[in-house]
Structure formats: structure tokens, C-alpha cells
């Protein structure tokens, strides 16, 4: 009997995640005491460190480096377009990619580099 590959969507992953990824489009860090405002300018994603590290050399390095991200439950990425990151994350979880336009494809290539 042939089984279909596992399909994951963000609703499923959010129930079983072990890492929260907070994506800021701005590369600038906020001033001390301005964390609440800065958080409101971010997009939050949920995933599994195991899945991310297995599917992405970037996340493998991030989670096995011994640095803070390897032990904490939240990772902060700055200077990343949240829409493009969602496409990348969806690809990591489903092995499928949906590029809406040539501009989206160009942005994806830029972030993937």
C-alpha cells in the first residue's frame, strides 16, 4: 500500500511547534523600552526545529551552533520580507512552492540567498 506524503499546514504546525519565529522586515533593532511597539511590527510563524534543521542548512546551522537560538523557543529574523518567508516556510513544510508573480519570484530568490 502506497501512502501519500505527509501534508502540513500552518494550523497543524501551530499546535505542535517547538519554535516561534518572529520576522521583522526592518533590519534595525528597537530602542530599549520600545519592545511592545517593535513586536507589533513583526509577523509570527510557528514550526519545528527538527523540520527546519532537516530541510534548511541555514536553520541547521542556527539550531546547532550552540548560540542562543539553539536553546531558546523564539528566533528573531530581521530584514526579511514576511510574505517571502511564509513561502519559504510553506515549502519547508510541504515541499511545494507557490510563486504568485515574477516579482514574488525575484524577492524569493533574493531572500533565499
Protein backbone atom coordinates (compact mmCIF):
# COMPACT_ATOMS: atom_id res chain seq x y z
CA UNK A 1 0.00 0.00 0.00
CA UNK A 2 1.43 3.37 -1.04
CA UNK A 3 0.92 6.16 1.44
CA UNK A 4 0.57 9.78 0.44
CA UNK A 5 3.33 12.09 1.70
CA UNK A 6 2.58 13.98 4.87
CA UNK A 7 0.90 17.32 4.33
CA UNK A 8 1.34 20.09 6.88
CA UNK A 9 -0.35 23.44 7.01
CA UNK A 10 0.22 26.32 9.39
CA UNK A 11 -2.84 25.45 11.52
CA UNK A 12 -1.43 21.97 12.16
CA UNK A 13 2.11 23.14 12.85
CA UNK A 14 0.96 25.88 15.26
CA UNK A 15 -0.48 23.20 17.58
CA UNK A 16 2.77 21.19 17.71
CA UNK A 17 5.53 23.74 17.25
CA UNK A 18 8.64 23.98 19.37
CA UNK A 19 9.92 27.24 17.92
CA UNK A 20 8.33 30.61 17.27
CA UNK A 21 9.92 32.66 14.50
CA UNK A 22 9.38 36.43 14.70
CA UNK A 23 10.12 38.13 11.37
CA UNK A 24 10.82 41.85 11.11
CA UNK A 25 11.10 43.47 7.70
CA UNK A 26 13.29 46.19 9.19
CA UNK A 27 16.89 45.31 9.99
CA UNK A 28 17.02 47.90 12.76
CA UNK A 29 16.66 46.83 16.36
CA UNK A 30 14.31 48.84 18.54
CA UNK A 31 15.39 51.24 21.21
CA UNK A 32 15.42 49.89 24.79
CA UNK A 33 11.91 50.09 26.25
CA UNK A 34 10.25 50.09 22.81
CA UNK A 35 9.78 46.31 22.61
CA UNK A 36 5.97 46.42 22.57
CA UNK A 37 5.87 48.72 19.54
CA UNK A 38 8.59 46.71 17.79
CA UNK A 39 6.73 43.42 18.31
CA UNK A 40 3.63 44.88 16.70
CA UNK A 41 5.69 45.42 13.52
CA UNK A 42 6.57 41.74 13.25
CA UNK A 43 4.95 38.63 11.80
CA UNK A 44 4.94 35.41 13.84
CA UNK A 45 5.37 31.91 12.43
CA UNK A 46 5.43 28.54 14.17
CA UNK A 47 7.46 25.49 13.24
CA UNK A 48 9.54 22.60 14.47
CA UNK A 49 13.28 22.92 14.92
CA UNK A 50 13.69 19.36 13.69
CA UNK A 51 11.80 20.03 10.44
CA UNK A 52 13.56 23.35 9.85
CA UNK A 53 17.04 21.95 10.53
CA UNK A 54 16.39 18.91 8.34
CA UNK A 55 15.17 20.94 5.38
CA UNK A 56 17.37 24.06 5.58
CA UNK A 57 21.15 24.42 6.02
CA UNK A 58 20.53 27.93 7.41
CA UNK A 59 18.30 26.62 10.20
CA UNK A 60 20.55 23.59 10.79
CA UNK A 61 23.46 25.96 11.44
CA UNK A 62 21.27 28.24 13.54
CA UNK A 63 19.98 25.47 15.81
CA UNK A 64 23.23 23.51 16.17
CA UNK A 65 25.65 26.41 16.64
CA UNK A 66 25.44 26.46 20.43
CA UNK A 67 24.29 30.06 20.27
CA UNK A 68 21.14 31.41 21.91
CA UNK A 69 18.82 30.26 19.10
CA UNK A 70 19.79 26.63 19.65
CA UNK A 71 18.25 26.64 23.14
CA UNK A 72 15.53 29.29 23.05
CA UNK A 73 11.98 28.80 21.83
CA UNK A 74 11.89 32.06 19.83
CA UNK A 75 14.05 33.07 16.90
CA UNK A 76 14.11 36.64 15.61
CA UNK A 77 14.87 37.27 11.94
CA UNK A 78 15.40 40.87 10.83
CA UNK A 79 15.45 42.32 7.35
CA UNK A 80 13.25 39.56 5.91
CA UNK A 81 10.05 40.10 3.93
CA UNK A 82 7.39 38.21 5.90
CA UNK A 83 5.43 37.24 2.76
CA UNK A 84 8.54 35.73 1.21
CA UNK A 85 9.44 33.99 4.48
CA UNK A 86 5.97 32.42 4.55
CA UNK A 87 6.55 30.99 1.05
CA UNK A 88 9.90 29.57 2.19
CA UNK A 89 8.37 28.13 5.36
CA UNK A 90 5.47 26.61 3.43
CA UNK A 91 7.98 25.00 1.07
CA UNK A 92 9.94 23.58 4.01
CA UNK A 93 6.75 22.06 5.44
CA UNK A 94 5.08 20.83 2.25
CA UNK A 95 7.82 20.55 -0.39
CA UNK A 96 5.59 22.66 -2.65
CA UNK A 97 6.07 26.25 -3.67
CA UNK A 98 3.54 28.82 -4.83
CA UNK A 99 5.00 31.88 -6.52
CA UNK A 100 2.33 34.41 -7.41
CA UNK A 101 4.28 36.62 -9.80
CA UNK A 102 7.68 37.28 -11.33
CA UNK A 103 8.28 39.97 -8.71
CA UNK A 104 7.45 37.46 -5.94
CA UNK A 105 9.89 35.01 -7.54
CA UNK A 106 12.63 37.63 -7.63
CA UNK A 107 12.02 38.52 -3.98
CA UNK A 108 12.12 34.83 -3.08
CA UNK A 109 15.48 34.37 -4.80
CA UNK A 110 16.86 37.42 -3.01
CA UNK A 111 15.79 36.15 0.44
CA UNK A 112 16.88 32.57 -0.28
CA UNK A 113 20.39 33.76 -0.96
